[in-house]
Amino acid sequence: MDDSGTKFGILRGSPTVCASFEEAFRNTTRYDAIILALPAFAHDTYLAGIAPYLKLEDTQHKPTVICAAVAQGGFDLAARAALNEAEVTAPVVIAGFETLPWACRILRPGREVEVLGAKETVDVAISIYPNLMKANVQVPLETLQTVVGRFPTVKLASGFLGVTLMDINCLWHPTLMYHRWKDWKGDTFTEAPLLYEECSDEAGESLMAISDEVSAVCKKIRNTFPGVLVDDLSSARSCVEWFLRSYGDEPGLDKRSVATMMRTNRAYHGLRHPMKHRVKYDEHGSAIPEANAPLVPDFSHRYLTEDVPFGLVVLRGIAELAGVPTPTIDKILLWAQNASGVRYLVRRTIDLEDAQAEFDKSEENTSNFTLRGEHVFRTRCPQRFGWFELNHFMVDNGYVTSASTSNTEGTLFGSTKKTSATDITKSAGAA
């Protein structure tokens, strides 16, 4: 791309491929930047493998930058947990892009990718480990700008909490999937439906509702911690503001609503719903070969297996700590987890083993649901790491300068009952 972000040619390259972390880190002890260009579900594995190689104290050089592209929700929680587990004491810069710098798609796996368009700017959150307070971030910013190139412009985000609450992928993808497939009865397709260009007005309204729920969480956090927030949450923009900031200058963009912007954004044209070929089985459970098998929706795609546990669940977890109801998030989350065959959100009951995650469609009030399902340990919500109270979560992660006296208990919907970490089955443990 040229300086304006316009495509003008092909970039060719052949990266070095390593078979192990040991091979990758064998010949050097200094690393300017480590970029995790990975789906969020692979972050834990890579963080655990990389962390032991960051233990060496090096006062001659700037700290290593370890950056997720993109961060998704709770990346800083996972990174600090991995560095703590490896007993790293050397300073490390934890960074994460709020979104990818480009809209892109794979043309030939492992060989060719098409960049459909570049964003004007991309926010990056930066945190210093083990010191959680703000530090000089100019060098890490320059390093990451070099990695991205001259376009788009890398800008400092308000902080990791703001980026977590502005996880646009977890708004877009699960919501579009929900509205396209919530009433699916097994019908098949010869071609995958368009993802954005067929966005319904109803889906746009849901996106606005989720954005409003996130805004309510931000308001509650600001009111609970007046004057002590390290992250002012200014990066947690509304979905309309995010869209205009990222693609506002796109020719032909219809800015009347979120749905019309979805349908007319050129960078989104041609992108389709994830599909797979239908598979039939005989009475013994063996697959029946079927020539030219038609297409059905793929609920194992990252739109649900990544953007839900590392995005939507994280939003819901923070809202639960803040005591903010999220009926639209709950509606989509309950559908998504049932479609994927997992349980994050379950009914609040005395006996958790008897809790049922099936969504009663006749109920509009989802305040009796809580993040205690058996698959919470696969997510990055605060509860997975052992935080069940808002003040502890904010202080322990450096989101505030000091402890604050809250006006509420910070538990679900004003409840004063405090929850213990043992309520989460198969938990990854307290941070």
Protein backbone atom coordinates (compact mmCIF):
# COMPACT_ATOMS: atom_id res chain seq x y z
CA MET A 1 0.00 0.00 0.00
CA ASP A 2 1.09 3.57 -0.59
CA ASP A 3 0.99 6.34 2.00
CA SER A 4 -2.75 6.82 1.50
CA GLY A 5 -3.50 3.16 2.15
CA THR A 6 -4.25 2.40 -1.51
CA LYS A 7 -3.19 -1.01 -2.82
CA PHE A 8 -0.68 -0.82 -5.63
CA GLY A 9 1.28 -4.06 -5.72
CA ILE A 10 2.24 -7.42 -4.25
CA LEU A 11 4.55 -7.94 -1.30
CA ARG A 12 6.46 -11.21 -1.44
CA GLY A 13 8.42 -12.85 1.34
CA SER A 14 9.47 -16.18 2.84
CA PRO A 15 9.53 -16.29 6.64
CA THR A 16 11.74 -18.60 8.65
CA VAL A 17 9.67 -21.40 10.17
CA CYS A 18 10.68 -22.88 13.52
CA ALA A 19 9.54 -26.18 14.98
CA SER A 20 9.84 -25.20 18.65
CA PHE A 21 10.24 -22.27 21.02
CA GLU A 22 13.76 -23.49 21.80
CA GLU A 23 14.72 -23.27 18.13
CA ALA A 24 13.16 -19.82 17.77
CA PHE A 25 15.04 -18.35 20.75
CA ARG A 26 18.25 -20.36 20.47
CA ASN A 27 20.63 -17.84 18.91
CA THR A 28 19.82 -14.62 20.73
CA THR A 29 19.03 -13.35 24.19
CA ARG A 30 17.65 -9.98 23.14
CA TYR A 31 14.30 -9.47 21.46
CA ASP A 32 13.02 -6.04 20.41
CA ALA A 33 9.51 -7.27 19.69
CA ILE A 34 7.57 -10.51 19.64
CA ILE A 35 4.33 -10.26 17.64
CA LEU A 36 1.64 -12.85 18.29
CA ALA A 37 -0.23 -12.89 14.98
CA LEU A 38 -2.44 -15.65 16.31
CA PRO A 39 -6.06 -16.35 17.15
CA ALA A 40 -6.75 -15.66 20.81
CA PHE A 41 -7.26 -19.35 21.68
CA ALA A 42 -3.55 -19.93 20.86
CA HIS A 43 -2.27 -17.09 23.07
CA ASP A 44 -1.98 -19.14 26.26
CA THR A 45 0.17 -21.80 24.60
CA TYR A 46 2.51 -19.25 23.03
CA LEU A 47 2.72 -17.06 26.13
CA ALA A 48 3.66 -20.08 28.24
CA GLY A 49 6.30 -21.12 25.69
CA ILE A 50 7.78 -17.63 25.28
CA ALA A 51 7.80 -16.43 28.89
CA PRO A 52 10.81 -18.50 30.10
CA TYR A 53 13.01 -16.81 27.47
CA LEU A 54 12.20 -13.35 28.85
CA LYS A 55 13.70 -13.97 32.30
CA LEU A 56 17.13 -12.52 31.54
CA GLU A 57 17.72 -9.10 33.09
CA ASP A 58 19.13 -6.73 30.44
CA THR A 59 19.83 -3.18 31.57
CA GLN A 60 21.64 -2.32 28.32
CA HIS A 61 18.54 -2.39 26.15
CA LYS A 62 14.89 -1.44 26.23
CA PRO A 63 12.43 -4.08 27.49
CA THR A 64 11.08 -6.61 25.00
CA VAL A 65 7.67 -5.76 23.54
CA ILE A 66 5.32 -8.73 23.37
CA CYS A 67 2.30 -7.70 21.33
CA ALA A 68 -0.90 -9.47 20.33
CA ALA A 69 -2.33 -8.68 16.91
CA VAL A 70 -5.13 -8.51 17.87
CA ALA A 71 -5.37 -8.48 21.65
CA GLN A 72 -9.02 -9.50 22.03
CA GLY A 73 -10.40 -9.29 25.57
CA GLY A 74 -8.18 -9.94 28.58
CA PHE A 75 -4.86 -10.39 26.78
CA ASP A 76 -3.03 -8.47 29.50
CA LEU A 77 -4.50 -10.80 32.14
CA ALA A 78 -3.22 -13.86 30.28
CA ALA A 79 0.21 -12.33 29.60
CA ARG A 80 0.80 -11.38 33.22
CA ALA A 81 -0.36 -14.80 34.37
CA ALA A 82 2.17 -16.48 32.03
CA LEU A 83 5.02 -14.17 33.07
CA ASN A 84 4.21 -14.73 36.75
CA GLU A 85 4.09 -18.49 36.24
CA ALA A 86 7.55 -18.41 34.59
CA GLU A 87 8.85 -16.23 37.46
CA VAL A 88 9.93 -13.47 35.08
CA THR A 89 11.26 -10.46 36.98
CA ALA A 90 12.77 -8.54 34.05
CA PRO A 91 10.62 -5.71 32.68
CA VAL A 92 8.44 -6.66 29.71
CA VAL A 93 6.18 -4.40 27.66
CA ILE A 94 2.79 -6.05 27.14
CA ALA A 95 0.99 -4.58 24.13
CA GLY A 96 -2.08 -5.37 22.09
CA PHE A 97 -3.73 -3.95 18.99
CA GLU A 98 -7.40 -3.12 19.45
CA THR A 99 -8.08 -4.38 15.94
CA LEU A 100 -6.08 -5.58 12.95
CA PRO A 101 -4.50 -2.75 10.95
CA TRP A 102 -6.08 -4.17 7.80
CA ALA A 103 -9.19 -5.97 6.56
CA CYS A 104 -7.80 -9.06 4.86
CA ARG A 105 -8.59 -12.60 3.82
CA ILE A 106 -6.70 -15.76 2.92
CA LEU A 107 -6.62 -16.61 -0.77
CA ARG A 108 -4.31 -19.62 -0.59
CA PRO A 109 -3.62 -21.01 2.90
CA GLY A 110 0.03 -20.60 3.83
CA ARG A 111 0.81 -18.83 0.56
CA GLU A 112 -1.27 -15.78 -0.29
CA VAL A 113 -3.34 -13.19 1.57
CA GLU A 114 -5.29 -10.28 0.08
CA VAL A 115 -5.40 -6.97 1.93
CA LEU A 116 -8.85 -5.55 1.22
CA GLY A 117 -8.28 -2.22 2.93
CA ALA A 118 -6.30 -0.48 5.63
CA LYS A 119 -7.75 1.38 8.59
CA GLU A 120 -6.82 5.01 9.07
CA THR A 121 -5.60 4.47 12.63
CA VAL A 122 -5.25 1.54 15.00
CA ASP A 123 -5.14 1.77 18.78
CA VAL A 124 -2.57 -0.16 20.78
CA ALA A 125 -2.73 -0.74 24.52
CA ILE A 126 0.53 -0.82 26.45
CA SER A 127 1.22 -2.06 29.97
CA ILE A 128 4.54 -2.51 31.75
CA TYR A 129 5.25 -5.77 33.59
CA PRO A 130 5.82 -6.20 36.50
CA ASN A 131 5.22 -2.50 37.24
CA LEU A 132 1.62 -1.89 36.24
CA MET A 133 1.75 1.89 36.30
CA LYS A 134 2.20 4.04 33.20
CA ALA A 135 5.72 4.42 31.86
CA ASN A 136 7.44 5.91 28.83
CA VAL A 137 5.64 4.33 25.89
CA GLN A 138 7.23 6.25 23.01
CA VAL A 139 9.81 3.57 22.19
CA PRO A 140 7.26 0.70 22.15
CA LEU A 141 4.96 2.82 19.98
CA GLU A 142 7.76 3.51 17.49
CA THR A 143 8.68 -0.18 17.45
CA LEU A 144 5.11 -1.21 16.68
CA GLN A 145 4.74 1.49 14.01
CA THR A 146 7.84 0.02 12.33
CA VAL A 147 6.25 -3.43 12.43
CA VAL A 148 2.99 -2.19 10.86
CA GLY A 149 4.60 0.16 8.35
CA ARG A 150 3.75 3.76 7.55
CA PHE A 151 0.04 3.10 7.25
CA PRO A 152 -2.17 2.96 9.33
CA THR A 153 -1.04 5.21 12.17
CA VAL A 154 -0.51 3.41 15.48
CA LYS A 155 -1.97 5.41 18.36
CA LEU A 156 -1.79 4.84 22.09
CA ALA A 157 -5.03 3.45 23.49
CA SER A 158 -6.40 4.56 26.84
CA GLY A 159 -5.32 1.19 28.24
CA PHE A 160 -6.01 -2.53 28.14
CA LEU A 161 -9.36 -2.22 29.90
CA GLY A 162 -10.53 0.27 27.28
CA VAL A 163 -9.34 -2.03 24.47
CA THR A 164 -11.04 -5.03 26.09
CA LEU A 165 -14.30 -3.11 26.21
CA MET A 166 -13.84 -2.05 22.55
CA ASP A 167 -13.41 -5.52 21.07
CA ILE A 168 -15.17 -4.84 17.79
CA ASN A 169 -14.85 -8.41 16.50
CA CYS A 170 -16.90 -9.74 19.39
CA LEU A 171 -19.62 -7.22 18.57
CA TRP A 172 -19.67 -7.78 14.81
CA HIS A 173 -19.22 -11.52 14.30
CA PRO A 174 -21.39 -13.25 16.95
CA THR A 175 -24.19 -10.71 16.42
CA LEU A 176 -24.24 -11.18 12.65
CA MET A 177 -24.11 -14.96 13.12
CA TYR A 178 -26.94 -14.83 15.64
CA HIS A 179 -29.30 -12.87 13.43
CA ARG A 180 -28.57 -15.00 10.37
CA TRP A 181 -28.79 -18.42 12.05
CA LYS A 182 -30.92 -18.13 15.21
CA ASP A 183 -33.93 -19.63 13.41
CA TRP A 184 -31.95 -22.04 11.22
CA LYS A 185 -33.80 -25.35 10.75
CA GLY A 186 -31.16 -27.31 8.87
CA ASP A 187 -31.69 -25.94 5.37
CA THR A 188 -28.66 -26.10 3.06
CA PHE A 189 -26.96 -23.70 0.66
CA THR A 190 -24.98 -23.86 -2.56
CA GLU A 191 -23.20 -20.60 -1.73
CA ALA A 192 -22.24 -18.99 1.58
CA PRO A 193 -24.42 -15.96 2.46
CA LEU A 194 -22.73 -12.58 2.53
CA LEU A 195 -21.73 -11.60 6.06
CA TYR A 196 -21.83 -7.80 6.01
CA GLU A 197 -23.64 -6.90 2.80
CA GLU A 198 -26.75 -8.77 4.00
CA CYS A 199 -26.66 -7.28 7.51
CA SER A 200 -30.27 -6.76 8.60
CA ASP A 201 -31.59 -3.65 10.28
CA GLU A 202 -32.44 -5.86 13.27
CA ALA A 203 -28.78 -6.92 13.54
CA GLY A 204 -27.76 -3.26 13.43
CA GLU A 205 -30.15 -2.50 16.29
CA SER A 206 -28.63 -5.33 18.35
CA LEU A 207 -25.15 -3.96 17.72
CA MET A 208 -26.27 -0.56 18.96
CA ALA A 209 -27.84 -2.18 22.03
CA ILE A 210 -24.61 -4.03 22.88
CA SER A 211 -22.67 -0.81 22.41
CA ASP A 212 -25.04 0.89 24.85
CA GLU A 213 -24.56 -1.91 27.39
CA VAL A 214 -20.77 -1.55 27.17
CA SER A 215 -21.17 2.20 27.58
CA ALA A 216 -23.17 1.57 30.76
CA VAL A 217 -20.32 -0.60 32.10
CA CYS A 218 -17.84 2.19 31.38
CA LYS A 219 -20.07 4.73 33.13
CA LYS A 220 -20.38 2.49 36.17
CA ILE A 221 -16.60 2.00 36.39
CA ARG A 222 -15.94 5.75 36.03
CA ASN A 223 -18.49 6.54 38.75
CA THR A 224 -17.12 3.84 41.06
CA PHE A 225 -13.48 4.96 40.73
CA PRO A 226 -13.58 8.74 40.38
CA GLY A 227 -10.19 10.37 40.04
CA VAL A 228 -8.11 7.18 40.31
CA LEU A 229 -8.51 5.53 36.88
CA VAL A 230 -5.22 4.91 35.07
CA ASP A 231 -7.27 3.95 32.01
CA ASP A 232 -9.94 6.59 31.38
CA LEU A 233 -11.72 4.14 29.01
CA SER A 234 -11.70 6.64 26.17
CA SER A 235 -10.74 3.79 23.81
CA ALA A 236 -14.08 2.11 24.55
CA ARG A 237 -15.92 3.94 21.80
CA SER A 238 -19.42 3.31 20.54
CA CYS A 239 -19.68 1.04 17.52
CA VAL A 240 -20.78 4.02 15.39
CA GLU A 241 -17.74 6.05 16.45
CA TRP A 242 -15.46 3.06 15.82
CA PHE A 243 -16.89 2.57 12.33
CA LEU A 244 -16.55 6.22 11.34
CA ARG A 245 -13.04 6.38 12.78
CA SER A 246 -11.93 3.26 10.92
CA TYR A 247 -13.78 3.58 7.61
CA GLY A 248 -15.42 7.01 7.63
CA ASP A 249 -13.64 8.13 4.45
CA GLU A 250 -14.55 5.04 2.40
CA PRO A 251 -16.27 6.13 -0.86
CA GLY A 252 -19.95 5.27 -0.94
CA LEU A 253 -20.27 4.55 2.79
CA ASP A 254 -23.91 5.03 3.84
CA LYS A 255 -23.63 6.54 7.31
CA ARG A 256 -27.31 6.56 8.23
CA SER A 257 -26.99 3.56 10.61
CA VAL A 258 -24.70 0.73 11.67
CA ALA A 259 -26.55 -1.64 9.34
CA THR A 260 -26.21 0.64 6.31
CA MET A 261 -22.50 1.15 7.02
CA MET A 262 -22.08 -2.63 7.22
CA ARG A 263 -23.81 -3.11 3.89
CA THR A 264 -21.91 -0.38 2.02
CA ASN A 265 -18.37 -0.56 3.43
CA ARG A 266 -16.17 -1.56 0.48
CA ALA A 267 -13.57 -3.17 2.76
CA TYR A 268 -16.24 -5.68 3.86
CA HIS A 269 -17.52 -6.55 0.39
CA GLY A 270 -17.35 -10.21 -0.53
CA LEU A 271 -16.79 -11.50 3.00
CA ARG A 272 -19.15 -14.39 3.75
CA HIS A 273 -20.56 -16.40 6.62
CA PRO A 274 -18.39 -19.37 7.67
CA MET A 275 -19.80 -22.54 6.11
CA LYS A 276 -18.86 -26.18 5.80
CA HIS A 277 -20.03 -29.09 3.69
CA ARG A 278 -22.87 -31.07 5.19
CA VAL A 279 -21.92 -34.49 6.53
CA LYS A 280 -24.50 -37.28 6.85
CA TYR A 281 -24.00 -40.29 9.10
CA ASP A 282 -25.37 -43.83 9.04
CA GLU A 283 -26.89 -45.64 12.02
CA HIS A 284 -23.40 -46.66 13.18
CA GLY A 285 -22.12 -43.11 13.26
CA SER A 286 -19.97 -43.44 10.13
CA ALA A 287 -19.87 -40.61 7.62
CA ILE A 288 -21.71 -41.26 4.37
CA PRO A 289 -19.74 -40.02 1.32
CA GLU A 290 -21.74 -37.38 -0.53
CA ALA A 291 -20.63 -35.89 -3.82
CA ASN A 292 -21.12 -32.12 -4.07
CA ALA A 293 -22.43 -31.94 -0.53
CA PRO A 294 -24.32 -28.70 0.13
CA LEU A 295 -23.22 -26.08 2.62
CA VAL A 296 -24.39 -25.57 6.20
CA PRO A 297 -23.26 -22.99 8.79
CA ASP A 298 -19.97 -23.73 10.57
CA PHE A 299 -20.49 -23.05 14.28
CA SER A 300 -16.92 -24.19 15.02
CA HIS A 301 -15.54 -21.15 13.21
CA ARG A 302 -13.50 -18.54 15.09
CA TYR A 303 -16.43 -16.14 14.92
CA LEU A 304 -17.88 -18.22 17.75
CA THR A 305 -14.90 -20.16 19.15
CA GLU A 306 -12.68 -17.06 19.45
CA ASP A 307 -14.83 -13.95 19.44
CA VAL A 308 -17.17 -15.34 22.10
CA PRO A 309 -14.83 -16.76 24.82
CA PHE A 310 -12.16 -14.09 24.28
CA GLY A 311 -14.53 -11.23 23.60
CA LEU A 312 -18.21 -11.41 24.44
CA VAL A 313 -17.65 -13.51 27.58
CA VAL A 314 -15.00 -11.06 28.78
CA LEU A 315 -17.42 -8.14 28.33
CA ARG A 316 -20.07 -10.08 30.23
CA GLY A 317 -17.60 -10.93 33.00
CA ILE A 318 -16.63 -7.30 33.57
CA ALA A 319 -20.30 -6.27 33.46
CA GLU A 320 -21.05 -8.91 36.08
CA LEU A 321 -18.35 -7.49 38.36
CA ALA A 322 -19.74 -3.99 37.81
CA GLY A 323 -23.34 -5.04 38.41
CA VAL A 324 -24.56 -3.85 34.99
CA PRO A 325 -27.32 -5.84 33.23
CA THR A 326 -26.52 -6.93 29.67
CA PRO A 327 -29.68 -8.47 28.18
CA THR A 328 -28.57 -8.19 24.53
CA ILE A 329 -25.12 -9.62 25.19
CA ASP A 330 -26.76 -12.44 27.19
CA LYS A 331 -29.21 -13.25 24.38
CA ILE A 332 -26.44 -13.61 21.81
CA LEU A 333 -24.05 -15.34 24.22
CA LEU A 334 -26.62 -17.97 25.20
CA TRP A 335 -27.37 -18.73 21.55
CA ALA A 336 -23.67 -18.85 20.62
CA GLN A 337 -22.68 -21.20 23.44
CA ASN A 338 -25.54 -23.57 22.62
CA ALA A 339 -24.60 -23.52 18.93
CA SER A 340 -20.96 -24.30 19.86
CA GLY A 341 -21.79 -26.96 22.46
CA VAL A 342 -20.18 -25.20 25.44
CA ARG A 343 -21.39 -23.60 28.67
CA TYR A 344 -20.15 -20.28 29.96
CA LEU A 345 -23.32 -18.59 31.15
CA VAL A 346 -25.58 -20.71 33.39
CA ARG A 347 -28.58 -20.12 35.57
CA ARG A 348 -27.80 -18.97 39.08
CA THR A 349 -28.75 -21.90 41.33
CA ILE A 350 -27.82 -23.26 44.75
CA ASP A 351 -26.46 -26.50 43.29
CA LEU A 352 -24.17 -25.50 40.43
CA GLU A 353 -23.90 -29.08 39.19
CA ASP A 354 -27.61 -28.97 38.37
CA ALA A 355 -27.39 -25.60 36.61
CA GLN A 356 -28.87 -25.58 33.13
CA ALA A 357 -27.65 -23.32 30.32
CA GLU A 358 -30.64 -23.75 28.01
CA PHE A 359 -32.12 -20.38 27.20
CA ASP A 360 -35.81 -19.96 27.96
CA LYS A 361 -36.90 -17.76 25.06
CA SER A 362 -39.98 -16.66 26.97
CA GLU A 363 -37.81 -14.86 29.52
CA GLU A 364 -36.58 -11.37 28.77
CA ASN A 365 -34.80 -10.96 32.11
CA THR A 366 -31.44 -12.73 32.08
CA SER A 367 -30.22 -11.35 35.41
CA ASN A 368 -30.36 -14.83 36.94
CA PHE A 369 -27.54 -16.01 34.65
CA THR A 370 -23.92 -15.98 35.79
CA LEU A 371 -20.51 -16.97 34.40
CA ARG A 372 -20.03 -20.27 36.21
CA GLY A 373 -20.31 -22.79 33.39
CA GLU A 374 -17.79 -25.59 33.11
CA HIS A 375 -16.06 -24.00 30.11
CA VAL A 376 -15.30 -20.64 31.73
CA PHE A 377 -11.72 -21.88 32.19
CA ARG A 378 -11.34 -21.70 28.39
CA THR A 379 -12.11 -17.97 28.34
CA ARG A 380 -10.31 -14.82 29.49
CA CYS A 381 -13.05 -13.31 31.62
CA PRO A 382 -11.92 -12.00 35.04
CA GLN A 383 -13.67 -14.92 36.76
CA ARG A 384 -11.39 -17.41 34.97
CA PHE A 385 -8.38 -15.80 36.69
CA GLY A 386 -10.02 -15.65 40.11
CA TRP A 387 -11.48 -12.13 40.26
CA PHE A 388 -15.02 -11.99 41.58
CA GLU A 389 -15.10 -8.43 42.97
CA LEU A 390 -14.69 -5.24 40.96
CA ASN A 391 -12.36 -3.37 43.31
CA HIS A 392 -9.84 -6.22 43.49
CA PHE A 393 -9.98 -6.68 39.72
CA MET A 394 -9.28 -3.00 39.07
CA VAL A 395 -6.51 -2.62 41.65
CA ASP A 396 -4.72 -5.92 40.99
CA ASN A 397 -4.47 -5.20 37.27
CA GLY A 398 -3.26 -1.62 37.58
CA TYR A 399 -6.40 -0.10 36.09
CA VAL A 400 -6.57 2.33 39.04
CA THR A 401 -3.84 4.11 40.98
CA SER A 402 -5.10 2.87 44.35
CA ALA A 403 -8.00 1.13 46.02
CA SER A 404 -11.28 3.01 45.82
CA THR A 405 -14.25 3.00 48.14
CA SER A 406 -17.11 1.72 46.00
CA ASN A 407 -20.72 2.76 46.24
CA THR A 408 -21.71 -0.81 45.34
CA GLU A 409 -20.39 -4.27 46.08
CA GLY A 410 -19.51 -4.75 42.42
CA THR A 411 -21.27 -8.10 42.18
CA LEU A 412 -24.01 -9.13 39.82
CA PHE A 413 -26.86 -6.66 39.58
CA GLY A 414 -26.41 -5.13 43.02
CA SER A 415 -26.17 -8.40 44.96
CA THR A 416 -24.18 -8.14 48.20
CA LYS A 417 -23.29 -11.84 48.23
CA LYS A 418 -19.60 -12.36 47.47
CA THR A 419 -18.47 -15.33 45.43
CA SER A 420 -15.40 -17.49 45.94
CA ALA A 421 -13.09 -18.80 43.25
CA THR A 422 -14.10 -22.37 44.12
CA ASP A 423 -17.45 -21.68 42.46
CA ILE A 424 -15.74 -21.97 39.09
CA THR A 425 -15.26 -25.60 38.09
CA LYS A 426 -11.99 -26.54 36.39
CA SER A 427 -10.69 -23.05 37.02
CA ALA A 428 -7.23 -22.13 35.76
CA GLY A 429 -6.59 -20.69 39.22
CA ALA A 430 -6.33 -17.29 40.74
CA ALA A 431 -4.05 -14.81 39.08
